[in-house]
Amino acid sequence: MALSSSSLFCLQKFRLKFIPIHLLIITCFNIFITNCSSSSTTVTCGSVLKLMNVNSGIRLHSHDIKYGSGSGQQSVTGTDKQEDVNSYWQIGAKTDEQCERGTPIECAFGKDGDGDTGDNWQILCGGKHWELNSNIRFKHVDTEMYLSSSGHVYGRPIQGQMEIIASTYSDSSVYWIAKEGIFVKPNNFDTKYVGHDEL
């Protein structure tokens, strides 16, 4: 199963989409989330981060190099270069949805979702929310396979970068952790009680 950066979609409605920007190359992890209070170590909507594979130490990576067959979408690989700007991913809302900056990202435990089922991924972690410095797994809903680093480096499509695969096994190669980035502090502000008055 080839992975592309056009989308990784989690059952908190999670989607990864690569969008280049001048100073920071980012992608959207589009997530549908619920508002709850949390500590400052929680990954929240609006954060920009890198995902590191715990086993191999590589960062999840994408840039405008297409696969020669299949979807024709951008490739997703792994790089050991910590400073590479093509490894940043932005936490945002599901396409055509909104999320408030600072809203904690809930972990999903088999909840139903909608959208293109080929893009649906579930985030699995040890608690209610995605916490910094905690191991997480991404499970593909349709195939029940895990986002993984194979440990193989090939000359194509991108020389020197590690292959990212979907694995049937939940072994040490499927664990990821949020690393470098800009993390938005959790939002404790309840907008439903705020009015807007114009003079």
N, C-alpha and C. Protein backbone atom coordinates (compact mmCIF):
# COMPACT_ATOMS: atom_id res chain seq x y z
N MET A 1 0.85 -1.17 0.00
CA MET A 1 0.00 0.00 0.00
C MET A 1 0.89 1.23 0.00
N ALA A 2 0.84 2.01 -1.04
CA ALA A 2 1.65 3.23 -1.13
C ALA A 2 0.99 4.34 -0.34
N LEU A 3 1.79 5.13 0.33
CA LEU A 3 1.28 6.27 1.07
C LEU A 3 1.55 7.52 0.28
N SER A 4 0.65 8.48 0.36
CA SER A 4 0.87 9.76 -0.31
C SER A 4 0.56 10.86 0.67
N SER A 5 1.09 12.05 0.40
CA SER A 5 0.85 13.15 1.31
C SER A 5 -0.46 13.85 1.02
N SER A 6 -1.21 13.38 0.03
CA SER A 6 -2.49 14.04 -0.21
C SER A 6 -3.40 13.83 0.97
N SER A 7 -3.24 12.70 1.66
CA SER A 7 -4.07 12.54 2.83
C SER A 7 -3.70 11.35 3.68
N LEU A 8 -3.72 11.58 4.96
CA LEU A 8 -3.75 10.56 5.99
C LEU A 8 -4.87 11.06 6.87
N PHE A 9 -5.87 10.29 7.08
CA PHE A 9 -7.05 10.78 7.75
C PHE A 9 -7.29 9.92 8.98
N CYS A 10 -7.34 10.50 10.16
CA CYS A 10 -7.49 9.76 11.40
C CYS A 10 -8.91 9.82 11.90
N LEU A 11 -9.26 8.87 12.72
CA LEU A 11 -10.60 8.88 13.28
C LEU A 11 -10.67 9.84 14.43
N GLN A 12 -10.36 10.86 14.43
CA GLN A 12 -10.68 12.14 14.96
C GLN A 12 -10.60 12.90 13.68
N LYS A 13 -10.99 12.31 12.62
CA LYS A 13 -11.00 12.85 11.28
C LYS A 13 -9.66 13.49 10.96
N PHE A 14 -8.65 12.72 10.82
CA PHE A 14 -7.26 13.11 10.68
C PHE A 14 -6.84 13.05 9.23
N ARG A 15 -6.30 14.11 8.69
CA ARG A 15 -5.85 14.09 7.31
C ARG A 15 -4.54 14.84 7.18
N LEU A 16 -3.63 14.28 6.45
CA LEU A 16 -2.32 14.86 6.21
C LEU A 16 -2.27 15.36 4.78
N LYS A 17 -1.99 16.62 4.58
CA LYS A 17 -1.92 17.15 3.23
C LYS A 17 -0.77 18.13 3.14
N PHE A 18 0.08 17.94 2.16
CA PHE A 18 1.29 18.74 2.04
C PHE A 18 1.02 20.04 1.30
N ILE A 19 1.36 21.19 1.92
CA ILE A 19 1.17 22.51 1.33
C ILE A 19 2.44 23.32 1.52
N PRO A 20 3.20 23.62 0.45
CA PRO A 20 4.43 24.39 0.64
C PRO A 20 4.15 25.86 0.95
N ILE A 21 4.93 26.43 1.87
CA ILE A 21 4.87 27.85 2.22
C ILE A 21 6.31 28.34 2.26
N HIS A 22 6.56 29.64 1.93
CA HIS A 22 7.93 30.15 1.78
C HIS A 22 8.88 29.81 2.92
N LEU A 23 8.61 30.22 4.13
CA LEU A 23 9.58 30.00 5.21
C LEU A 23 9.38 28.68 5.93
N LEU A 24 8.21 28.13 5.83
CA LEU A 24 7.92 26.89 6.54
C LEU A 24 7.06 26.03 5.65
N ILE A 25 7.51 24.85 5.33
CA ILE A 25 6.73 23.95 4.51
C ILE A 25 5.86 23.14 5.48
N ILE A 26 4.56 23.25 5.31
CA ILE A 26 3.65 22.62 6.25
C ILE A 26 2.63 21.74 5.55
N THR A 27 2.00 20.92 6.29
CA THR A 27 0.90 20.12 5.78
C THR A 27 -0.22 20.16 6.77
N CYS A 28 -1.38 19.83 6.30
CA CYS A 28 -2.53 19.81 7.19
C CYS A 28 -2.79 18.41 7.67
N PHE A 29 -2.82 18.26 8.95
CA PHE A 29 -3.35 17.08 9.60
C PHE A 29 -4.76 17.50 9.89
N ASN A 30 -5.68 17.23 9.06
CA ASN A 30 -7.03 17.74 9.27
C ASN A 30 -7.74 16.85 10.28
N ILE A 31 -8.15 17.47 11.37
CA ILE A 31 -8.71 16.71 12.47
C ILE A 31 -10.02 17.31 12.93
N PHE A 32 -10.99 16.48 13.17
CA PHE A 32 -12.27 16.85 13.73
C PHE A 32 -12.16 16.54 15.20
N ILE A 33 -12.30 17.52 16.08
CA ILE A 33 -12.00 17.29 17.48
C ILE A 33 -13.08 17.83 18.41
N THR A 34 -13.04 17.43 19.64
CA THR A 34 -13.95 17.96 20.64
C THR A 34 -13.16 18.83 21.60
N ASN A 35 -13.83 19.78 22.20
CA ASN A 35 -13.17 20.74 23.07
C ASN A 35 -13.15 20.23 24.51
N CYS A 36 -11.98 20.11 25.09
CA CYS A 36 -11.86 19.72 26.49
C CYS A 36 -10.64 20.38 27.10
N SER A 37 -10.61 20.44 28.39
CA SER A 37 -9.44 21.06 29.03
C SER A 37 -8.30 20.05 29.05
N SER A 38 -7.08 20.58 29.16
CA SER A 38 -5.92 19.70 29.10
C SER A 38 -4.68 20.42 29.60
N SER A 39 -3.63 19.69 29.80
CA SER A 39 -2.37 20.30 30.23
C SER A 39 -1.62 20.87 29.04
N SER A 40 -0.54 21.59 29.31
CA SER A 40 0.23 22.23 28.24
C SER A 40 1.07 21.24 27.45
N THR A 41 1.05 19.96 27.80
CA THR A 41 1.80 18.97 27.05
C THR A 41 0.94 18.28 25.98
N THR A 42 -0.27 18.76 25.79
CA THR A 42 -1.19 18.16 24.83
C THR A 42 -0.99 18.74 23.44
N VAL A 43 -0.98 17.87 22.41
CA VAL A 43 -0.93 18.34 21.02
C VAL A 43 -2.29 18.92 20.69
N THR A 44 -2.30 20.14 20.15
CA THR A 44 -3.55 20.86 19.92
C THR A 44 -3.68 21.33 18.48
N CYS A 45 -4.91 21.72 18.14
CA CYS A 45 -5.20 22.29 16.83
C CYS A 45 -4.38 23.56 16.63
N GLY A 46 -3.77 23.71 15.47
CA GLY A 46 -2.95 24.88 15.17
C GLY A 46 -1.46 24.65 15.37
N SER A 47 -1.09 23.56 16.05
CA SER A 47 0.33 23.25 16.25
C SER A 47 0.97 22.83 14.94
N VAL A 48 2.26 23.14 14.79
CA VAL A 48 3.06 22.73 13.63
C VAL A 48 4.20 21.88 14.19
N LEU A 49 4.33 20.64 13.71
CA LEU A 49 5.29 19.74 14.33
C LEU A 49 5.90 18.77 13.34
N LYS A 50 6.92 18.08 13.81
CA LYS A 50 7.51 16.98 13.06
C LYS A 50 7.16 15.69 13.79
N LEU A 51 6.95 14.63 13.02
CA LEU A 51 6.67 13.31 13.58
C LEU A 51 7.90 12.43 13.40
N MET A 52 8.42 11.91 14.50
CA MET A 52 9.60 11.05 14.44
C MET A 52 9.21 9.61 14.72
N ASN A 53 9.71 8.70 13.88
CA ASN A 53 9.51 7.28 14.12
C ASN A 53 10.41 6.88 15.28
N VAL A 54 9.83 6.30 16.31
CA VAL A 54 10.57 5.97 17.53
C VAL A 54 11.66 4.93 17.26
N ASN A 55 11.39 3.97 16.42
CA ASN A 55 12.33 2.88 16.14
C ASN A 55 13.52 3.32 15.30
N SER A 56 13.27 4.06 14.21
CA SER A 56 14.34 4.41 13.27
C SER A 56 14.92 5.80 13.48
N GLY A 57 14.20 6.67 14.19
CA GLY A 57 14.67 8.04 14.42
C GLY A 57 14.48 8.98 13.24
N ILE A 58 13.80 8.53 12.18
CA ILE A 58 13.57 9.39 11.02
C ILE A 58 12.32 10.24 11.22
N ARG A 59 12.26 11.38 10.51
CA ARG A 59 11.07 12.23 10.53
C ARG A 59 10.20 11.91 9.32
N LEU A 60 8.87 11.88 9.50
CA LEU A 60 7.93 11.72 8.39
C LEU A 60 8.09 12.92 7.48
N HIS A 61 8.20 12.68 6.19
CA HIS A 61 8.68 13.70 5.25
C HIS A 61 7.89 13.64 3.94
N SER A 62 7.72 14.78 3.30
CA SER A 62 7.12 14.82 1.97
C SER A 62 7.58 16.06 1.23
N HIS A 63 7.77 15.93 -0.06
CA HIS A 63 7.97 17.10 -0.91
C HIS A 63 7.53 16.75 -2.32
N ASP A 64 7.59 17.71 -3.20
CA ASP A 64 6.94 17.59 -4.51
C ASP A 64 7.69 16.65 -5.46
N ILE A 65 7.79 15.40 -5.06
CA ILE A 65 8.28 14.34 -5.94
C ILE A 65 7.17 13.30 -5.97
N LYS A 66 6.69 13.02 -7.17
CA LYS A 66 5.53 12.14 -7.35
C LYS A 66 5.98 10.70 -7.57
N TYR A 67 5.10 9.78 -7.19
CA TYR A 67 5.32 8.38 -7.55
C TYR A 67 5.12 8.24 -9.05
N GLY A 68 5.85 7.33 -9.68
CA GLY A 68 5.76 7.13 -11.12
C GLY A 68 4.48 6.44 -11.55
N SER A 69 3.81 5.77 -10.63
CA SER A 69 2.56 5.09 -10.96
C SER A 69 1.58 5.31 -9.82
N GLY A 70 0.40 4.78 -9.98
CA GLY A 70 -0.60 4.89 -8.92
C GLY A 70 -1.26 6.25 -8.89
N SER A 71 -1.36 6.84 -7.72
CA SER A 71 -2.12 8.07 -7.52
C SER A 71 -1.49 9.29 -8.17
N GLY A 72 -0.19 9.27 -8.36
CA GLY A 72 0.50 10.44 -8.89
C GLY A 72 0.65 11.55 -7.86
N GLN A 73 0.33 11.24 -6.60
CA GLN A 73 0.44 12.23 -5.54
C GLN A 73 1.86 12.26 -4.99
N GLN A 74 2.14 13.28 -4.19
CA GLN A 74 3.47 13.42 -3.60
C GLN A 74 3.82 12.20 -2.77
N SER A 75 5.09 11.85 -2.79
CA SER A 75 5.56 10.72 -2.00
C SER A 75 5.70 11.13 -0.53
N VAL A 76 5.54 10.15 0.33
CA VAL A 76 5.80 10.31 1.75
C VAL A 76 6.96 9.38 2.07
N THR A 77 8.02 9.93 2.63
CA THR A 77 9.21 9.15 2.96
C THR A 77 9.63 9.49 4.38
N GLY A 78 10.78 9.01 4.77
CA GLY A 78 11.37 9.35 6.05
C GLY A 78 12.76 9.91 5.84
N THR A 79 13.11 10.93 6.61
CA THR A 79 14.45 11.51 6.50
C THR A 79 15.11 11.57 7.87
N ASP A 80 16.42 11.39 7.88
CA ASP A 80 17.16 11.50 9.14
C ASP A 80 17.65 12.92 9.38
N LYS A 81 17.37 13.82 8.45
CA LYS A 81 17.80 15.21 8.58
C LYS A 81 16.79 15.98 9.43
N GLN A 82 17.17 16.22 10.67
CA GLN A 82 16.29 16.88 11.63
C GLN A 82 15.90 18.28 11.17
N GLU A 83 16.79 18.98 10.46
CA GLU A 83 16.55 20.38 10.08
C GLU A 83 15.75 20.54 8.80
N ASP A 84 15.37 19.46 8.10
CA ASP A 84 14.66 19.56 6.83
C ASP A 84 13.26 20.15 7.03
N VAL A 85 12.97 21.27 6.35
CA VAL A 85 11.68 21.95 6.51
C VAL A 85 10.53 21.22 5.83
N ASN A 86 10.81 20.22 5.01
CA ASN A 86 9.74 19.45 4.36
C ASN A 86 9.17 18.37 5.27
N SER A 87 9.52 18.41 6.53
CA SER A 87 9.04 17.42 7.49
C SER A 87 8.05 18.00 8.49
N TYR A 88 7.64 19.25 8.31
CA TYR A 88 6.67 19.86 9.22
C TYR A 88 5.25 19.52 8.80
N TRP A 89 4.41 19.29 9.78
CA TRP A 89 3.00 18.98 9.55
C TRP A 89 2.18 19.89 10.47
N GLN A 90 1.12 20.45 9.95
CA GLN A 90 0.28 21.35 10.76
C GLN A 90 -0.99 20.64 11.17
N ILE A 91 -1.34 20.81 12.45
CA ILE A 91 -2.58 20.24 12.97
C ILE A 91 -3.70 21.23 12.65
N GLY A 92 -4.70 20.79 11.92
CA GLY A 92 -5.80 21.66 11.53
C GLY A 92 -7.10 20.89 11.48
N ALA A 93 -8.12 21.54 11.01
CA ALA A 93 -9.45 20.93 10.94
C ALA A 93 -9.61 20.11 9.68
N LYS A 94 -10.56 19.21 9.73
CA LYS A 94 -10.97 18.44 8.57
C LYS A 94 -11.33 19.41 7.45
N THR A 95 -11.11 19.03 6.20
CA THR A 95 -11.46 19.87 5.06
C THR A 95 -12.89 20.37 5.20
N ASP A 96 -13.09 21.66 4.97
CA ASP A 96 -14.39 22.32 5.08
C ASP A 96 -14.92 22.39 6.51
N GLU A 97 -14.07 22.14 7.47
CA GLU A 97 -14.44 22.26 8.88
C GLU A 97 -13.49 23.24 9.55
N GLN A 98 -13.78 23.60 10.80
CA GLN A 98 -12.91 24.49 11.55
C GLN A 98 -12.61 23.87 12.90
N CYS A 99 -11.46 24.22 13.44
CA CYS A 99 -11.17 23.86 14.82
C CYS A 99 -10.55 25.08 15.47
N GLU A 100 -10.80 25.26 16.73
CA GLU A 100 -10.24 26.40 17.45
C GLU A 100 -8.80 26.11 17.81
N ARG A 101 -7.93 27.13 17.60
CA ARG A 101 -6.54 26.97 18.02
C ARG A 101 -6.50 26.59 19.49
N GLY A 102 -5.65 25.65 19.81
CA GLY A 102 -5.48 25.24 21.20
C GLY A 102 -6.40 24.12 21.63
N THR A 103 -7.29 23.64 20.76
CA THR A 103 -8.17 22.54 21.13
C THR A 103 -7.37 21.24 21.16
N PRO A 104 -7.38 20.50 22.28
CA PRO A 104 -6.62 19.25 22.36
C PRO A 104 -7.08 18.22 21.32
N ILE A 105 -6.15 17.41 20.84
CA ILE A 105 -6.45 16.37 19.87
C ILE A 105 -6.78 15.10 20.64
N GLU A 106 -8.03 14.65 20.50
CA GLU A 106 -8.46 13.44 21.18
C GLU A 106 -7.93 12.21 20.47
N CYS A 107 -7.61 11.20 21.24
CA CYS A 107 -7.27 9.91 20.66
C CYS A 107 -8.56 9.19 20.31
N ALA A 108 -8.54 8.40 19.26
CA ALA A 108 -9.75 7.69 18.83
C ALA A 108 -9.62 6.22 19.17
N PHE A 109 -10.71 5.65 19.55
CA PHE A 109 -10.74 4.24 19.90
C PHE A 109 -11.87 3.57 19.14
N GLY A 110 -11.80 3.60 17.80
CA GLY A 110 -12.78 2.91 16.98
C GLY A 110 -14.04 3.68 16.70
N LYS A 111 -14.02 5.01 16.84
CA LYS A 111 -15.20 5.81 16.53
C LYS A 111 -15.43 5.84 15.03
N ASP A 112 -16.69 5.98 14.61
CA ASP A 112 -17.01 6.08 13.19
C ASP A 112 -16.63 7.45 12.67
N GLY A 113 -16.22 7.51 11.42
CA GLY A 113 -15.87 8.76 10.77
C GLY A 113 -16.46 8.81 9.39
N ASP A 114 -16.31 9.94 8.70
CA ASP A 114 -16.78 10.01 7.34
C ASP A 114 -15.69 10.60 6.47
N GLY A 115 -15.93 10.66 5.19
CA GLY A 115 -14.92 11.12 4.24
C GLY A 115 -14.52 9.98 3.35
N ASP A 116 -13.50 10.16 2.56
CA ASP A 116 -12.98 9.11 1.69
C ASP A 116 -12.34 8.05 2.57
N THR A 117 -12.90 6.86 2.55
CA THR A 117 -12.43 5.83 3.49
C THR A 117 -10.98 5.43 3.26
N GLY A 118 -10.46 5.64 2.06
CA GLY A 118 -9.06 5.35 1.81
C GLY A 118 -8.13 6.31 2.54
N ASP A 119 -8.66 7.44 2.99
CA ASP A 119 -7.88 8.44 3.70
C ASP A 119 -8.03 8.35 5.21
N ASN A 120 -8.84 7.45 5.69
CA ASN A 120 -9.14 7.39 7.12
C ASN A 120 -8.09 6.63 7.91
N TRP A 121 -7.55 7.31 8.90
CA TRP A 121 -6.58 6.73 9.83
C TRP A 121 -7.08 6.98 11.24
N GLN A 122 -6.70 6.13 12.14
CA GLN A 122 -7.07 6.26 13.55
C GLN A 122 -5.79 6.51 14.33
N ILE A 123 -5.83 7.47 15.25
CA ILE A 123 -4.66 7.70 16.10
C ILE A 123 -4.86 6.91 17.40
N LEU A 124 -3.86 6.15 17.75
CA LEU A 124 -3.92 5.31 18.95
C LEU A 124 -2.84 5.77 19.91
N CYS A 125 -3.24 6.06 21.14
CA CYS A 125 -2.27 6.46 22.16
C CYS A 125 -2.74 5.99 23.52
N GLY A 126 -1.93 6.24 24.53
CA GLY A 126 -2.19 5.68 25.85
C GLY A 126 -3.24 6.38 26.68
N GLY A 127 -3.65 7.59 26.31
CA GLY A 127 -4.61 8.33 27.12
C GLY A 127 -5.74 8.89 26.29
N LYS A 128 -6.43 9.88 26.86
CA LYS A 128 -7.56 10.49 26.17
C LYS A 128 -7.11 11.42 25.05
N HIS A 129 -6.00 12.16 25.28
CA HIS A 129 -5.50 13.12 24.29
C HIS A 129 -4.10 12.75 23.82
N TRP A 130 -3.75 13.29 22.66
CA TRP A 130 -2.40 13.11 22.11
C TRP A 130 -1.47 14.00 22.91
N GLU A 131 -0.55 13.40 23.64
CA GLU A 131 0.38 14.12 24.49
C GLU A 131 1.76 14.18 23.84
N LEU A 132 2.46 15.32 24.05
CA LEU A 132 3.85 15.42 23.61
C LEU A 132 4.67 14.35 24.32
N ASN A 133 5.70 13.89 23.67
CA ASN A 133 6.62 12.91 24.24
C ASN A 133 5.97 11.58 24.58
N SER A 134 4.81 11.29 23.97
CA SER A 134 4.21 9.97 24.16
C SER A 134 4.12 9.27 22.81
N ASN A 135 4.32 7.96 22.84
CA ASN A 135 4.26 7.17 21.62
C ASN A 135 2.83 7.08 21.12
N ILE A 136 2.66 7.27 19.80
CA ILE A 136 1.35 7.13 19.18
C ILE A 136 1.48 6.22 17.97
N ARG A 137 0.35 5.67 17.52
CA ARG A 137 0.31 4.86 16.30
C ARG A 137 -0.80 5.39 15.41
N PHE A 138 -0.60 5.26 14.10
CA PHE A 138 -1.62 5.60 13.11
C PHE A 138 -2.08 4.31 12.47
N LYS A 139 -3.38 3.98 12.60
CA LYS A 139 -3.93 2.74 12.04
C LYS A 139 -4.89 3.08 10.92
N HIS A 140 -4.67 2.49 9.73
CA HIS A 140 -5.53 2.72 8.58
C HIS A 140 -6.85 1.99 8.81
N VAL A 141 -7.97 2.72 8.68
CA VAL A 141 -9.27 2.16 9.04
C VAL A 141 -9.68 1.02 8.11
N ASP A 142 -9.56 1.19 6.80
CA ASP A 142 -10.01 0.16 5.86
C ASP A 142 -9.16 -1.11 5.91
N THR A 143 -7.85 -0.95 5.96
CA THR A 143 -6.95 -2.11 5.88
C THR A 143 -6.49 -2.60 7.24
N GLU A 144 -6.71 -1.79 8.28
CA GLU A 144 -6.24 -2.07 9.63
C GLU A 144 -4.72 -2.23 9.69
N MET A 145 -4.02 -1.51 8.81
CA MET A 145 -2.56 -1.53 8.79
C MET A 145 -2.04 -0.26 9.47
N TYR A 146 -0.79 -0.33 9.94
CA TYR A 146 -0.19 0.75 10.71
C TYR A 146 0.84 1.52 9.89
N LEU A 147 0.87 2.85 10.06
CA LEU A 147 1.89 3.69 9.44
C LEU A 147 3.23 3.29 10.05
N SER A 148 4.20 2.98 9.20
CA SER A 148 5.44 2.39 9.68
C SER A 148 6.64 2.83 8.86
N SER A 149 7.79 2.71 9.45
CA SER A 149 9.06 2.91 8.76
C SER A 149 9.66 1.53 8.51
N SER A 150 9.93 1.21 7.24
CA SER A 150 10.41 -0.14 6.90
C SER A 150 11.87 -0.37 7.27
N GLY A 151 12.64 0.71 7.39
CA GLY A 151 14.07 0.57 7.63
C GLY A 151 14.88 0.48 6.35
N HIS A 152 14.20 0.44 5.19
CA HIS A 152 14.89 0.33 3.90
C HIS A 152 15.09 1.71 3.28
N VAL A 153 16.25 1.89 2.66
CA VAL A 153 16.56 3.12 1.95
C VAL A 153 16.80 2.75 0.49
N TYR A 154 16.13 3.44 -0.43
CA TYR A 154 16.23 3.14 -1.85
C TYR A 154 16.73 4.35 -2.63
N GLY A 155 17.10 4.13 -3.87
CA GLY A 155 17.54 5.21 -4.75
C GLY A 155 16.38 5.94 -5.40
N ARG A 156 15.18 5.33 -5.38
CA ARG A 156 14.01 5.96 -6.00
C ARG A 156 12.80 5.78 -5.09
N PRO A 157 11.81 6.65 -5.04
CA PRO A 157 11.75 7.88 -5.81
C PRO A 157 12.67 8.98 -5.28
N ILE A 158 13.14 8.86 -4.04
CA ILE A 158 13.99 9.90 -3.47
C ILE A 158 15.22 9.24 -2.87
N GLN A 159 16.36 9.52 -3.45
CA GLN A 159 17.61 8.90 -3.03
C GLN A 159 17.93 9.22 -1.58
N GLY A 160 18.28 8.18 -0.83
CA GLY A 160 18.74 8.36 0.54
C GLY A 160 17.64 8.51 1.58
N GLN A 161 16.38 8.49 1.17
CA GLN A 161 15.30 8.62 2.15
C GLN A 161 14.69 7.26 2.44
N MET A 162 14.20 7.11 3.67
CA MET A 162 13.68 5.83 4.12
C MET A 162 12.25 5.61 3.63
N GLU A 163 11.96 4.35 3.34
CA GLU A 163 10.63 3.96 2.88
C GLU A 163 9.63 4.01 4.04
N ILE A 164 8.47 4.61 3.78
CA ILE A 164 7.35 4.61 4.73
C ILE A 164 6.30 3.67 4.17
N ILE A 165 5.80 2.77 5.00
CA ILE A 165 4.87 1.74 4.54
C ILE A 165 3.67 1.64 5.47
N ALA A 166 2.70 0.82 5.07
CA ALA A 166 1.61 0.41 5.95
C ALA A 166 1.90 -1.04 6.32
N SER A 167 1.97 -1.32 7.61
CA SER A 167 2.36 -2.65 8.10
C SER A 167 1.20 -3.33 8.80
N THR A 168 1.12 -4.65 8.64
CA THR A 168 0.08 -5.41 9.33
C THR A 168 0.43 -5.64 10.80
N TYR A 169 1.70 -5.46 11.14
CA TYR A 169 2.16 -5.73 12.50
C TYR A 169 2.29 -4.45 13.31
N SER A 170 1.86 -4.53 14.56
CA SER A 170 2.02 -3.40 15.47
C SER A 170 3.28 -3.63 16.30
N ASP A 171 4.43 -3.56 15.60
CA ASP A 171 5.70 -3.75 16.28
C ASP A 171 6.34 -2.40 16.57
N SER A 172 7.61 -2.39 16.93
CA SER A 172 8.27 -1.14 17.32
C SER A 172 8.40 -0.14 16.17
N SER A 173 8.25 -0.59 14.91
CA SER A 173 8.40 0.32 13.77
C SER A 173 7.17 1.19 13.52
N VAL A 174 6.07 0.96 14.24
CA VAL A 174 4.84 1.72 13.99
C VAL A 174 4.61 2.84 15.01
N TYR A 175 5.54 3.05 15.91
CA TYR A 175 5.37 4.09 16.93
C TYR A 175 6.01 5.40 16.48
N TRP A 176 5.27 6.48 16.68
CA TRP A 176 5.68 7.84 16.30
C TRP A 176 5.58 8.74 17.51
N ILE A 177 6.30 9.85 17.47
CA ILE A 177 6.27 10.82 18.57
C ILE A 177 6.35 12.22 17.97
N ALA A 178 5.60 13.16 18.57
CA ALA A 178 5.66 14.57 18.14
C ALA A 178 6.99 15.14 18.61
N LYS A 179 7.74 15.74 17.69
CA LYS A 179 9.06 16.28 18.02
C LYS A 179 9.09 17.79 17.86
N GLU A 180 10.07 18.29 17.11
CA GLU A 180 10.27 19.73 16.96
C GLU A 180 9.01 20.39 16.40
N GLY A 181 8.80 21.64 16.80
CA GLY A 181 7.67 22.36 16.24
C GLY A 181 7.25 23.55 17.08
N ILE A 182 6.14 24.10 16.68
CA ILE A 182 5.50 25.20 17.40
C ILE A 182 4.21 24.63 17.94
N PHE A 183 4.10 24.58 19.25
CA PHE A 183 2.95 23.95 19.89
C PHE A 183 2.05 25.01 20.50
N VAL A 184 0.81 25.04 20.06
CA VAL A 184 -0.16 26.02 20.55
C VAL A 184 -0.66 25.57 21.91
N LYS A 185 -0.61 26.50 22.87
CA LYS A 185 -1.07 26.22 24.22
C LYS A 185 -2.56 25.87 24.19
N PRO A 186 -2.98 24.87 24.98
CA PRO A 186 -4.40 24.51 25.00
C PRO A 186 -5.28 25.70 25.34
N ASN A 187 -6.40 25.78 24.66
CA ASN A 187 -7.33 26.89 24.79
C ASN A 187 -8.37 26.56 25.86
N ASN A 188 -8.43 27.36 26.91
CA ASN A 188 -9.44 27.19 27.95
C ASN A 188 -10.57 28.21 27.80
N PHE A 189 -10.55 28.96 26.72
CA PHE A 189 -11.51 30.03 26.47
C PHE A 189 -12.76 29.45 25.82
N ASP A 190 -13.92 29.64 26.43
CA ASP A 190 -15.18 29.12 25.90
C ASP A 190 -15.89 30.20 25.10
N THR A 191 -15.86 30.08 23.79
CA THR A 191 -16.42 31.12 22.91
C THR A 191 -17.94 31.18 22.94
N LYS A 192 -18.62 30.17 23.43
CA LYS A 192 -20.09 30.21 23.43
C LYS A 192 -20.64 31.23 24.42
N TYR A 193 -19.82 31.70 25.36
CA TYR A 193 -20.26 32.70 26.33
C TYR A 193 -19.82 34.11 25.98
N VAL A 194 -19.22 34.29 24.83
CA VAL A 194 -18.70 35.60 24.44
C VAL A 194 -19.63 36.22 23.41
N GLY A 195 -20.02 37.44 23.67
CA GLY A 195 -20.84 38.18 22.71
C GLY A 195 -19.99 39.18 21.96
N HIS A 196 -20.53 39.71 20.88
CA HIS A 196 -19.82 40.72 20.10
C HIS A 196 -20.76 41.90 19.91
N ASP A 197 -20.40 43.04 20.47
CA ASP A 197 -21.23 44.24 20.35
C ASP A 197 -20.50 45.28 19.53
N GLU A 198 -21.19 45.85 18.57
CA GLU A 198 -20.67 46.95 17.76
C GLU A 198 -21.33 48.23 18.24
N LEU A 199 -20.61 49.33 18.21
CA LEU A 199 -21.19 50.62 18.57
C LEU A 199 -21.97 51.20 17.44
